[in-house]
C-alpha cells in the first residue's frame, strides 16, 4: 500500500504541524516523514499508514488516495482550525517551555496564551523603536564624518560614509512598515549575511534585550537552531532556551532525561508526584530515561530496517552542536 506524498504534505500543512511534530505523534522519525513526503519511500508498512492517519486525524484512504481529499474552505479554516493552530504553536519544545513558565511564575497555560499577543506587540514595537534610535545615531555619525571630510583634501576618504545612505533609507522604510524581520529590505543590501536567526532586526533586538537584563540562567538565546541530525535550521526568530535552570533541577546532567522532556516523550506534568521532590531526583531521572528507552523501543519495532547506530551518531552530533552553541 502506497502513500500519496503530495497529500501527506498538504494535510500536514493544513494541520499546522512541522515534520518533527508529526514524527513524534506518529512514532516515526523526521527523516522517514521527509522520505514519505518526497515520494522516496515506495511501500511503507501498514503500521506506518495507521500511525500517520491517527496522528493527522484522517482516514487511511485519504492518505493512500483511495478516498477524495476533504475540501478546506477559508470559512471552514477560520471556524475549525483553532485547535490545529494551537497544536502548531504548542509543539513538544513549546509545551515544555509553557510548563517551565508555569513552574517558575505560577501562571496558567491560558494566562500565558491570553497575554502572548501583548508580549509580542510590546517586543515588536520595542524593536522598531530601538531600530529608529540606531538610524538616528547612524545619520548623526555620517553627518559628523562628512563635516570632517570637508576640512581638508587629505580627509576626503571620510565621504565613504555616504555609501550607507541607501541601506539606511531602506531600513527607515522597513521600520515605517513595521517590517520587524527586515523581509522587505532588498537583497542588494548586505543586511544579515543570509542567516535570519543570526542577524535580522528582531533577532538582534531580542538578543540585545536579553543581554541587557542579564538573565542567562532564565533566557539563553543561541546563534543557530540545530535539528535532530545536527544540521542548522534557518528561522526568523533567534533559537532560545528558557528556564534552563528549571530543566536542570528536573533532569540533572542526564541528556536522555532532558530529551524525553524536550521531544514530548514525557510531559512535565506526567512525572509522578512521588518523584517530584529533590530527594527523588535520582529516581526521577531514571524514570525519565526509561520512558525514553521505551519510546525508542516502540519506534524501532515499527522501523526494523532503520539504521539506529547511524541515528545515534547524528543525535550525539546534534547534542554536541547544541552544547557548543550555548
Protein backbone atom coordinates (compact mmCIF):
# COMPACT_ATOMS: atom_id res chain seq x y z
CA UNK A 1 0.00 0.00 0.00
CA UNK A 2 1.38 3.40 -1.01
CA UNK A 3 1.02 6.88 0.49
CA UNK A 4 0.27 9.86 -1.73
CA UNK A 5 3.26 12.07 -0.93
CA UNK A 6 1.58 15.32 -2.03
CA UNK A 7 -1.49 14.58 0.07
CA UNK A 8 0.58 13.74 3.12
CA UNK A 9 2.46 17.04 2.93
CA UNK A 10 -0.69 19.08 2.23
CA UNK A 11 -2.62 17.52 5.14
CA UNK A 12 0.34 18.02 7.49
CA UNK A 13 0.49 21.69 6.49
CA UNK A 14 -3.29 22.04 6.91
CA UNK A 15 -2.87 20.67 10.42
CA UNK A 16 -0.15 23.29 11.05
CA UNK A 17 2.33 20.55 12.01
CA UNK A 18 6.07 20.55 11.49
CA UNK A 19 7.77 17.38 10.27
CA UNK A 20 9.22 16.82 13.74
CA UNK A 21 5.82 17.21 15.42
CA UNK A 22 4.18 14.73 13.04
CA UNK A 23 7.05 12.28 13.51
CA UNK A 24 6.65 12.40 17.28
CA UNK A 25 2.86 11.87 17.12
CA UNK A 26 3.15 9.05 14.56
CA UNK A 27 6.06 7.26 16.30
CA UNK A 28 8.27 7.81 13.27
CA UNK A 29 11.47 9.74 12.64
CA UNK A 30 11.61 13.15 10.90
CA UNK A 31 13.77 11.60 8.20
CA UNK A 32 11.11 8.98 7.46
CA UNK A 33 8.43 11.68 7.17
CA UNK A 34 10.67 13.59 4.74
CA UNK A 35 11.15 10.46 2.61
CA UNK A 36 7.40 9.83 2.53
CA UNK A 37 6.63 13.42 1.52
CA UNK A 38 9.29 13.34 -1.18
CA UNK A 39 7.99 10.04 -2.55
CA UNK A 40 11.20 8.17 -1.77
CA UNK A 41 9.53 5.58 0.46
CA UNK A 42 7.54 3.49 -2.03
CA UNK A 43 5.96 0.79 0.14
CA UNK A 44 5.59 1.89 3.77
CA UNK A 45 4.48 -0.62 6.38
CA UNK A 46 0.81 -0.79 7.22
CA UNK A 47 1.55 0.32 10.79
CA UNK A 48 3.16 3.45 9.37
CA UNK A 49 -0.03 4.35 7.48
CA UNK A 50 -2.15 3.61 10.54
CA UNK A 51 0.03 5.78 12.79
CA UNK A 52 0.05 8.64 10.30
CA UNK A 53 -3.73 8.59 9.85
CA UNK A 54 -4.20 8.69 13.64
CA UNK A 55 -1.68 11.50 14.07
CA UNK A 56 -3.28 13.57 11.29
CA UNK A 57 -6.84 12.59 12.29
CA UNK A 58 -7.81 11.48 8.77
CA UNK A 59 -8.93 8.18 7.28
CA UNK A 60 -6.22 5.94 5.86
CA UNK A 61 -7.84 6.05 2.42
CA UNK A 62 -7.24 9.80 2.21
CA UNK A 63 -3.52 9.26 2.65
CA UNK A 64 -3.39 6.41 0.12
CA UNK A 65 -5.53 8.19 -2.47
CA UNK A 66 -8.46 5.75 -2.22
CA UNK A 67 -10.73 8.46 -0.78
CA UNK A 68 -11.17 12.03 -2.03
CA UNK A 69 -9.33 14.85 -0.29
CA UNK A 70 -11.51 16.90 2.08
CA UNK A 71 -12.18 20.40 0.80
CA UNK A 72 -10.93 23.04 3.23
CA UNK A 73 -12.62 26.35 2.51
CA UNK A 74 -11.39 29.57 4.08
CA UNK A 75 -14.50 29.92 6.21
CA UNK A 76 -14.13 26.35 7.48
CA UNK A 77 -10.50 27.01 8.32
CA UNK A 78 -11.45 30.13 10.30
CA UNK A 79 -14.09 28.22 12.24
CA UNK A 80 -12.43 24.85 12.76
CA UNK A 81 -8.67 25.30 12.77
CA UNK A 82 -8.26 26.93 16.19
CA UNK A 83 -7.33 23.59 17.71
CA UNK A 84 -4.79 22.78 14.99
CA UNK A 85 -3.32 26.28 15.21
CA UNK A 86 -2.82 25.89 18.94
CA UNK A 87 -1.24 22.49 18.33
CA UNK A 88 1.16 24.13 15.88
CA UNK A 89 2.14 26.74 18.44
CA UNK A 90 2.42 24.19 21.21
CA UNK A 91 4.86 21.66 19.87
CA UNK A 92 6.82 19.43 22.24
CA UNK A 93 9.53 22.01 22.99
CA UNK A 94 7.00 24.83 23.35
CA UNK A 95 4.81 22.72 25.66
CA UNK A 96 7.83 22.18 27.86
CA UNK A 97 8.52 25.93 27.80
CA UNK A 98 4.95 26.67 28.93
CA UNK A 99 5.24 24.09 31.71
CA UNK A 100 8.53 25.63 32.87
CA UNK A 101 7.00 29.13 32.84
CA UNK A 102 4.11 27.84 34.94
CA UNK A 103 6.55 26.14 37.30
CA UNK A 104 8.62 29.30 37.80
CA UNK A 105 5.98 32.04 37.79
CA UNK A 106 2.84 30.17 38.93
CA UNK A 107 0.71 31.16 35.93
CA UNK A 108 -1.69 29.03 33.90
CA UNK A 109 -1.38 28.00 30.28
CA UNK A 110 -4.46 30.08 29.46
CA UNK A 111 -2.95 33.16 31.08
CA UNK A 112 0.23 32.73 29.03
CA UNK A 113 -1.74 32.32 25.80
CA UNK A 114 -4.00 35.27 26.56
CA UNK A 115 -1.02 37.52 27.26
CA UNK A 116 1.11 36.30 24.32
CA UNK A 117 -0.26 38.91 21.85
CA UNK A 118 0.52 41.68 24.34
CA UNK A 119 4.05 40.39 24.86
CA UNK A 120 4.65 40.11 21.12
CA UNK A 121 3.39 43.59 20.31
CA UNK A 122 5.46 45.13 23.12
CA UNK A 123 8.60 43.39 21.89
CA UNK A 124 7.87 44.16 18.24
CA UNK A 125 7.27 47.85 18.91
CA UNK A 126 10.29 47.91 21.21
CA UNK A 127 12.42 46.55 18.37
CA UNK A 128 11.12 49.22 15.95
CA UNK A 129 11.87 51.97 18.48
CA UNK A 130 15.38 50.54 19.02
CA UNK A 131 16.00 50.50 15.26
CA UNK A 132 14.82 54.12 14.92
CA UNK A 133 17.32 55.15 17.57
CA UNK A 134 20.12 53.34 15.71
CA UNK A 135 19.18 55.04 12.42
CA UNK A 136 19.33 58.46 14.12
CA UNK A 137 22.78 57.69 15.52
CA UNK A 138 24.00 56.42 12.14
CA UNK A 139 22.80 59.60 10.40
CA UNK A 140 24.50 61.73 13.06
CA UNK A 141 27.71 59.75 12.55
CA UNK A 142 27.53 60.23 8.76
CA UNK A 143 26.97 63.96 9.22
CA UNK A 144 29.99 64.19 11.50
CA UNK A 145 32.20 62.27 9.06
CA UNK A 146 31.11 64.50 6.17
CA UNK A 147 31.90 67.57 8.26
CA UNK A 148 35.38 66.23 8.97
CA UNK A 149 35.86 65.28 5.29
CA UNK A 150 35.23 68.91 4.28
CA UNK A 151 38.04 70.18 6.49
CA UNK A 152 40.86 69.02 4.25
CA UNK A 153 41.59 67.27 0.95
CA UNK A 154 43.52 64.52 2.70
CA UNK A 155 40.34 63.69 4.74
CA UNK A 156 38.02 63.23 1.78
CA UNK A 157 38.08 59.45 2.28
CA UNK A 158 35.60 60.09 5.12
CA UNK A 159 32.97 60.66 2.45
CA UNK A 160 32.84 56.85 2.14
CA UNK A 161 30.11 57.04 4.80
CA UNK A 162 27.77 58.13 2.00
CA UNK A 163 27.62 54.50 0.90
CA UNK A 164 25.48 53.79 3.95
CA UNK A 165 22.76 56.19 2.78
CA UNK A 166 20.84 53.68 0.65
CA UNK A 167 20.80 50.90 3.26
CA UNK A 168 19.73 53.43 5.91
CA UNK A 169 16.92 54.62 3.64
CA UNK A 170 15.71 51.02 3.23
CA UNK A 171 15.99 50.49 6.98
CA UNK A 172 13.76 53.53 7.59
CA UNK A 173 11.22 52.24 5.06
CA UNK A 174 11.26 48.84 6.75
CA UNK A 175 10.66 50.42 10.17
CA UNK A 176 7.78 52.56 8.89
CA UNK A 177 6.13 49.41 7.50
CA UNK A 178 6.54 47.54 10.83
CA UNK A 179 8.70 45.02 8.97
CA UNK A 180 10.18 43.54 12.14
CA UNK A 181 12.19 40.79 10.38
CA UNK A 182 13.52 43.07 7.65
CA UNK A 183 11.94 40.92 4.93
CA UNK A 184 11.21 43.93 2.71
CA UNK A 185 14.80 45.10 2.57
CA UNK A 186 16.26 44.34 -0.87
CA UNK A 187 18.77 41.58 -1.49
CA UNK A 188 21.32 44.18 -2.61
CA UNK A 189 21.66 45.42 0.96
CA UNK A 190 24.19 43.40 2.94
CA UNK A 191 21.91 43.09 5.91
CA UNK A 192 22.17 39.85 7.81
CA UNK A 193 24.50 37.62 5.83
CA UNK A 194 21.71 35.25 4.80
CA UNK A 195 21.10 33.86 8.29
CA UNK A 196 17.72 35.09 9.52
CA UNK A 197 18.14 33.77 13.06
CA UNK A 198 21.54 35.46 13.47
CA UNK A 199 21.08 38.93 12.10
CA UNK A 200 17.56 40.03 11.27
CA UNK A 201 16.45 43.14 13.19
CA UNK A 202 14.07 41.37 15.56
CA UNK A 203 16.64 38.68 16.41
CA UNK A 204 19.24 41.39 17.05
CA UNK A 205 16.87 43.28 19.33
CA UNK A 206 15.84 40.21 21.36
CA UNK A 207 19.45 39.16 21.80
CA UNK A 208 20.45 42.67 22.93
CA UNK A 209 17.42 42.88 25.23
CA UNK A 210 18.33 39.54 26.80
CA UNK A 211 21.92 40.67 27.33
CA UNK A 212 20.83 43.98 28.89
CA UNK A 213 18.63 42.38 31.55
CA UNK A 214 21.36 39.83 32.37
CA UNK A 215 19.35 36.66 32.98
CA UNK A 216 21.46 33.90 31.36
CA UNK A 217 20.01 31.13 33.53
CA UNK A 218 16.46 32.15 32.64
CA UNK A 219 16.83 33.05 28.95
CA UNK A 220 19.55 31.78 26.63
CA UNK A 221 19.48 32.94 23.01
CA UNK A 222 21.55 30.79 20.68
CA UNK A 223 23.20 31.75 17.43
CA UNK A 224 21.60 28.93 15.47
CA UNK A 225 18.92 26.25 15.61
CA UNK A 226 20.02 22.62 15.25
CA UNK A 227 17.70 19.83 14.08
CA UNK A 228 17.75 16.14 15.00
CA UNK A 229 20.56 15.50 12.54
CA UNK A 230 22.90 18.24 13.70
CA UNK A 231 22.02 20.48 10.75
CA UNK A 232 21.36 24.21 11.04
CA UNK A 233 17.74 25.30 10.51
CA UNK A 234 17.08 28.90 9.34
CA UNK A 235 14.38 30.66 11.37
CA UNK A 236 13.14 34.26 11.67
CA UNK A 237 13.45 34.38 15.42
CA UNK A 238 16.60 33.55 17.37
CA UNK A 239 16.52 29.99 18.79
CA UNK A 240 16.16 30.13 22.55
CA UNK A 241 16.10 28.11 25.74
CA UNK A 242 14.10 29.39 28.71
CA UNK A 243 14.23 28.39 32.37
CA UNK A 244 17.19 26.12 31.72
CA UNK A 245 17.87 26.06 35.44
CA UNK A 246 14.43 24.53 35.99
CA UNK A 247 15.16 21.79 33.42
CA UNK A 248 18.42 21.07 35.22
CA UNK A 249 16.56 20.70 38.50
CA UNK A 250 14.38 18.03 36.91
CA UNK A 251 16.92 16.24 34.70
CA UNK A 252 20.28 16.93 36.29
CA UNK A 253 23.07 16.25 33.78
CA UNK A 254 21.20 13.45 32.02
CA UNK A 255 20.87 14.22 28.29
CA UNK A 256 18.49 11.26 27.88
CA UNK A 257 16.14 12.58 30.59
CA UNK A 258 16.23 16.04 29.00
CA UNK A 259 15.49 14.57 25.59
CA UNK A 260 12.44 12.77 26.99
CA UNK A 261 11.02 16.14 28.02
CA UNK A 262 12.17 18.23 25.05
CA UNK A 263 10.79 15.77 22.47
CA UNK A 264 7.49 15.43 24.28
CA UNK A 265 8.01 11.75 25.06
CA UNK A 266 7.03 12.72 28.60
CA UNK A 267 5.27 15.93 29.58
CA UNK A 268 6.49 17.69 32.71
CA UNK A 269 3.08 17.25 34.34
CA UNK A 270 3.17 13.49 33.73
CA UNK A 271 6.04 12.92 36.12
CA UNK A 272 4.56 11.02 39.10
CA UNK A 273 4.04 13.17 42.17
CA UNK A 274 6.18 10.91 44.35
CA UNK A 275 9.15 11.63 42.03
CA UNK A 276 8.75 15.40 42.17
CA UNK A 277 10.85 16.21 45.22
CA UNK A 278 14.57 16.98 45.31
CA UNK A 279 15.12 13.81 47.35
CA UNK A 280 13.72 11.74 44.46
CA UNK A 281 15.97 13.29 41.82
CA UNK A 282 17.93 10.10 41.06
CA UNK A 283 14.76 8.03 40.75
CA UNK A 284 13.08 10.75 38.67
CA UNK A 285 15.97 10.86 36.21
CA UNK A 286 15.97 7.08 35.92
CA UNK A 287 12.21 7.10 35.29
CA UNK A 288 12.60 9.69 32.50
CA UNK A 289 15.45 7.73 30.93
CA UNK A 290 13.36 4.55 31.00
CA UNK A 291 10.45 6.35 29.31
CA UNK A 292 12.80 7.49 26.56
CA UNK A 293 14.10 3.93 26.12
CA UNK A 294 10.55 2.57 25.91
CA UNK A 295 9.69 5.18 23.28
CA UNK A 296 12.62 4.22 21.05
CA UNK A 297 11.92 0.51 21.50
CA UNK A 298 8.38 1.04 20.24
CA UNK A 299 9.74 3.20 17.45
CA UNK A 300 12.28 0.55 16.43
CA UNK A 301 9.57 -2.12 16.28
CA UNK A 302 7.91 -0.05 13.54
CA UNK A 303 11.24 0.51 11.77
CA UNK A 304 13.08 -2.83 11.80
CA UNK A 305 15.37 -1.85 8.90
CA UNK A 306 16.26 1.57 10.27
CA UNK A 307 19.94 2.23 10.95
CA UNK A 308 19.74 3.04 14.65
CA UNK A 309 23.51 3.16 15.07
CA UNK A 310 23.73 5.94 12.49
CA UNK A 311 20.76 7.72 14.07
CA UNK A 312 22.52 7.55 17.44
CA UNK A 313 25.60 9.21 15.93
CA UNK A 314 23.57 12.05 14.39
CA UNK A 315 21.72 12.53 17.67
CA UNK A 316 25.02 12.76 19.55
CA UNK A 317 26.36 15.23 16.97
CA UNK A 318 23.20 17.30 17.42
CA UNK A 319 23.72 17.39 21.18
CA UNK A 320 27.36 18.46 20.75
CA UNK A 321 26.32 21.22 18.34
CA UNK A 322 23.69 22.50 20.78
CA UNK A 323 26.17 22.46 23.67
CA UNK A 324 28.77 24.31 21.59
CA UNK A 325 26.14 26.87 20.72
CA UNK A 326 25.09 27.69 24.29
